C-alpha atoms as a PDB file:
ATOM      1  CA  MET A   1     170.666 -92.803  27.826  1.00  0.00           C
ATOM      2  CA  SER A   2     172.965 -94.277  30.473  1.00  0.00           C
ATOM      3  CA  GLY A   3     174.476 -90.855  31.307  1.00  0.00           C
ATOM      4  CA  ASP A   4     171.302 -89.630  33.015  1.00  0.00           C
ATOM      5  CA  SER A   5     171.349 -89.623  36.799  1.00  0.00           C
ATOM      6  CA  ALA A   6     168.550 -91.140  38.856  1.00  0.00           C
ATOM      7  CA  LEU A   7     167.418 -87.649  39.908  1.00  0.00           C
ATOM      8  CA  ASP A   8     166.889 -86.575  36.298  1.00  0.00           C
ATOM      9  CA  ARG A   9     164.757 -89.607  35.508  1.00  0.00           C
ATOM     10  CA  ILE A  10     161.028 -88.831  35.690  1.00  0.00           C
ATOM     11  CA  GLY A  11     159.473 -91.707  33.821  1.00  0.00           C
ATOM     12  CA  GLU A  12     159.815 -93.814  30.744  1.00  0.00           C
ATOM     13  CA  CYS A  13     158.195 -93.990  27.354  1.00  0.00           C
ATOM     14  CA  PRO A  14     155.406 -96.599  27.285  1.00  0.00           C
ATOM     15  CA  GLU A  15     156.487 -97.700  23.801  1.00  0.00           C
ATOM     16  CA  CYS A  16     160.305 -97.938  23.847  1.00  0.00           C
ATOM     17  CA  LYS A  17     161.029 -97.642  27.608  1.00  0.00           C
ATOM     18  CA  GLY A  18     163.341 -94.674  26.933  1.00  0.00           C
ATOM     19  CA  ILE A  19     164.158 -92.466  29.928  1.00  0.00           C
ATOM     20  CA  LEU A  20     162.180 -89.227  30.072  1.00  0.00           C
ATOM     21  CA  THR A  21     163.782 -86.277  31.856  1.00  0.00           C
ATOM     22  CA  PRO A  22     162.367 -82.870  32.874  1.00  0.00           C
ATOM     23  CA  GLN A  23     163.933 -81.382  29.739  1.00  0.00           C
ATOM     24  CA  THR A  24     162.185 -83.804  27.374  1.00  0.00           C
ATOM     25  CA  ILE A  25     158.610 -83.810  28.703  1.00  0.00           C
ATOM     26  CA  ARG A  26     155.863 -81.262  28.009  1.00  0.00           C
ATOM     27  CA  THR A  27     152.517 -80.448  29.628  1.00  0.00           C
ATOM     28  CA  GLY A  28     150.583 -81.715  26.611  1.00  0.00           C
ATOM     29  CA  PRO A  29     151.246 -84.465  24.090  1.00  0.00           C
ATOM     30  CA  PHE A  30     154.807 -84.619  22.750  1.00  0.00           C
ATOM     31  CA  ASN A  31     157.087 -86.894  20.741  1.00  0.00           C
ATOM     32  CA  CYS A  32     159.352 -89.318  22.566  1.00  0.00           C
ATOM     33  CA  PRO A  33     162.984 -88.259  21.995  1.00  0.00           C
ATOM     34  CA  TYR A  34     164.020 -91.889  21.402  1.00  0.00           C
ATOM     35  CA  CYS A  35     161.304 -93.526  19.296  1.00  0.00           C
ATOM     36  CA  ALA A  36     159.393 -90.400  18.109  1.00  0.00           C
ATOM     37  CA  LYS A  37     156.055 -91.913  19.187  1.00  0.00           C
ATOM     38  CA  TYR A  38     153.371 -89.452  20.293  1.00  0.00           C
ATOM     39  CA  ILE A  39     152.892 -89.690  24.086  1.00  0.00           C
ATOM     40  CA  ARG A  40     151.265 -87.569  26.794  1.00  0.00           C
ATOM     41  CA  PRO A  41     151.464 -87.318  30.565  1.00  0.00           C
ATOM     42  CA  VAL A  42     148.695 -89.023  32.525  1.00  0.00           C
ATOM     43  CA  ARG A  43     147.155 -87.218  35.487  1.00  0.00           C
ATOM     44  CA  ARG A  44     144.545 -88.584  37.888  1.00  0.00           C
ATOM     45  CA  ARG A  45     140.982 -87.346  37.537  1.00  0.00           C
ATOM     46  CA  SER A  46     141.109 -85.878  41.052  1.00  0.00           C
ATOM     47  CA  TYR A  47     144.105 -83.740  40.039  1.00  0.00           C
ATOM     48  CA  LEU A  48     142.238 -82.404  37.009  1.00  0.00           C
ATOM     49  CA  TRP A  49     139.189 -81.540  39.132  1.00  0.00           C
ATOM     50  CA  LEU A  50     141.348 -79.869  41.771  1.00  0.00           C
ATOM     51  CA  ARG A  51     143.097 -77.828  39.078  1.00  0.00           C
ATOM     52  CA  LEU A  52     139.794 -76.706  37.577  1.00  0.00           C
ATOM     53  CA  VAL A  53     138.155 -75.801  40.906  1.00  0.00           C
ATOM     54  CA  VAL A  54     141.161 -73.924  42.319  1.00  0.00           C
ATOM     55  CA  CYS A  55     141.716 -71.947  39.115  1.00  0.00           C
ATOM     56  CA  GLY A  56     137.977 -71.225  38.825  1.00  0.00           C
ATOM     57  CA  VAL A  57     137.737 -69.933  42.385  1.00  0.00           C
ATOM     58  CA  ILE A  58     140.806 -67.741  41.902  1.00  0.00           C
ATOM     59  CA  ALA A  59     139.416 -66.450  38.591  1.00  0.00           C
ATOM     60  CA  VAL A  60     136.054 -65.537  40.160  1.00  0.00           C
ATOM     61  CA  ALA A  61     137.739 -63.863  43.138  1.00  0.00           C
ATOM     62  CA  THR A  62     140.056 -61.885  40.845  1.00  0.00           C
ATOM     63  CA  ALA A  63     137.170 -60.764  38.642  1.00  0.00           C
ATOM     64  CA  ARG A  64     135.195 -59.649  41.699  1.00  0.00           C
ATOM     65  CA  LEU A  65     138.217 -57.748  43.045  1.00  0.00           C
ATOM     66  CA  HIS A  66     138.512 -55.952  39.710  1.00  0.00           C
ATOM     67  CA  GLY A  67     134.962 -54.694  40.136  1.00  0.00           C
ATOM     68  CA  TRP A  68     132.914 -56.982  37.898  1.00  0.00           C
ATOM     69  CA  ASP A  69     129.315 -57.462  38.990  1.00  0.00           C
ATOM     70  CA  TRP A  70     128.006 -60.987  39.663  1.00  0.00           C
ATOM     71  CA  SER A  71     125.720 -60.807  36.606  1.00  0.00           C
ATOM     72  CA  PHE A  72     128.720 -60.252  34.286  1.00  0.00           C
ATOM     73  CA  LEU A  73     130.984 -62.931  35.778  1.00  0.00           C
ATOM     74  CA  ILE A  74     129.685 -65.614  33.419  1.00  0.00           C
ATOM     75  CA  PHE A  75     131.067 -63.600  30.514  1.00  0.00           C
ATOM     76  CA  VAL A  76     134.282 -62.385  32.124  1.00  0.00           C
ATOM     77  CA  VAL A  77     135.521 -65.286  34.253  1.00  0.00           C
ATOM     78  CA  SER A  78     137.094 -67.136  31.305  1.00  0.00           C
ATOM     79  CA  PHE A  79     139.397 -64.169  30.660  1.00  0.00           C
ATOM     80  CA  TYR A  80     140.770 -64.702  34.159  1.00  0.00           C
ATOM     81  CA  ALA A  81     140.558 -68.508  34.217  1.00  0.00           C
ATOM     82  CA  VAL A  82     142.556 -69.279  31.056  1.00  0.00           C
ATOM     83  CA  PRO A  83     145.702 -67.405  32.173  1.00  0.00           C
ATOM     84  CA  MET A  84     145.310 -68.966  35.617  1.00  0.00           C
ATOM     85  CA  LEU A  85     145.219 -72.476  34.097  1.00  0.00           C
ATOM     86  CA  VAL A  86     148.347 -71.714  32.050  1.00  0.00           C
ATOM     87  CA  LEU A  87     150.092 -70.359  35.147  1.00  0.00           C
ATOM     88  CA  TRP A  88     149.041 -73.444  37.126  1.00  0.00           C
ATOM     89  CA  ASP A  89     150.444 -75.733  34.436  1.00  0.00           C
ATOM     90  CA  THR A  90     153.815 -73.992  34.332  1.00  0.00           C
ATOM     91  CA  ILE A  91     154.295 -73.813  38.112  1.00  0.00           C
ATOM     92  CA  VAL A  92     152.865 -77.178  39.189  1.00  0.00           C
ATOM     93  CA  PHE A  93     154.411 -78.984  36.218  1.00  0.00           C
ATOM     94  CA  LYS A  94     157.877 -77.891  37.374  1.00  0.00           C
ATOM     95  CA  LEU A  95     157.238 -78.730  41.050  1.00  0.00           C
ATOM     96  CA  PHE A  96     155.363 -82.022  40.556  1.00  0.00           C
ATOM     97  CA  PRO A  97     156.181 -83.475  37.131  1.00  0.00           C
ATOM     98  CA  PRO A  98     154.070 -86.398  35.893  1.00  0.00           C
ATOM     99  CA  THR A  99     155.543 -89.874  36.212  1.00  0.00           C
ATOM    100  CA  ASN A 100     153.106 -91.862  34.056  1.00  0.00           C
ATOM    101  CA  PHE A 101     152.786 -91.509  30.308  1.00  0.00           C
ATOM    102  CA  GLU A 102     150.584 -93.107  27.663  1.00  0.00           C
ATOM    103  CA  ALA A 103     150.800 -93.419  23.919  1.00  0.00           C
ATOM    104  CA  VAL A 104     148.223 -91.441  21.933  1.00  0.00           C
ATOM    105  CA  ALA A 105     147.341 -91.138  18.276  1.00  0.00           C
ATOM    106  CA  ALA A 106     148.845 -88.239  16.359  1.00  0.00           C
ATOM    107  CA  PRO A 107     146.509 -85.223  16.075  1.00  0.00           C
ATOM    108  CA  PHE A 108     146.685 -85.325  12.289  1.00  0.00           C
ATOM    109  CA  GLN A 109     146.340 -88.075   9.742  1.00  0.00           C
ATOM    110  CA  THR A 110     149.256 -88.883   7.465  1.00  0.00           C
ATOM    111  CA  LEU A 111     149.582 -91.020   4.378  1.00  0.00           C
ATOM    112  CA  GLY A 112     152.150 -93.288   6.020  1.00  0.00           C
ATOM    113  CA  ILE A 113     154.873 -92.476   3.485  1.00  0.00           C
ATOM    114  CA  ASN A 114     157.719 -92.947   5.994  1.00  0.00           C
ATOM    115  CA  LYS A 115     156.495 -96.331   7.243  1.00  0.00           C
ATOM    116  CA  SER A 116     158.689 -99.287   6.316  1.00  0.00           C
END
């Protein structure tokens, strides 16, 4: 933990205060490499709206450029929007990584066998 430089440090785990680096974080929920708690990056609501609007506009423009009529766009735009959202996440996540993280519940329920 002490070998990480200040440039590699992005944030810290909200549970154990472990240092999170670009190599350890993911776009969605992930396990902390130090305490194995389930955490996720926190983005502002304005960022999420901007992401949705920009990707939606690009998806509609791309569908129109490929010759789809306006009446069919409601059915076709998601085929262009989903890859655009994935592309946005990979590019913007590398350029502007999140700095705030929050603990979340695991997506599945366990019996708690490993709890002490």
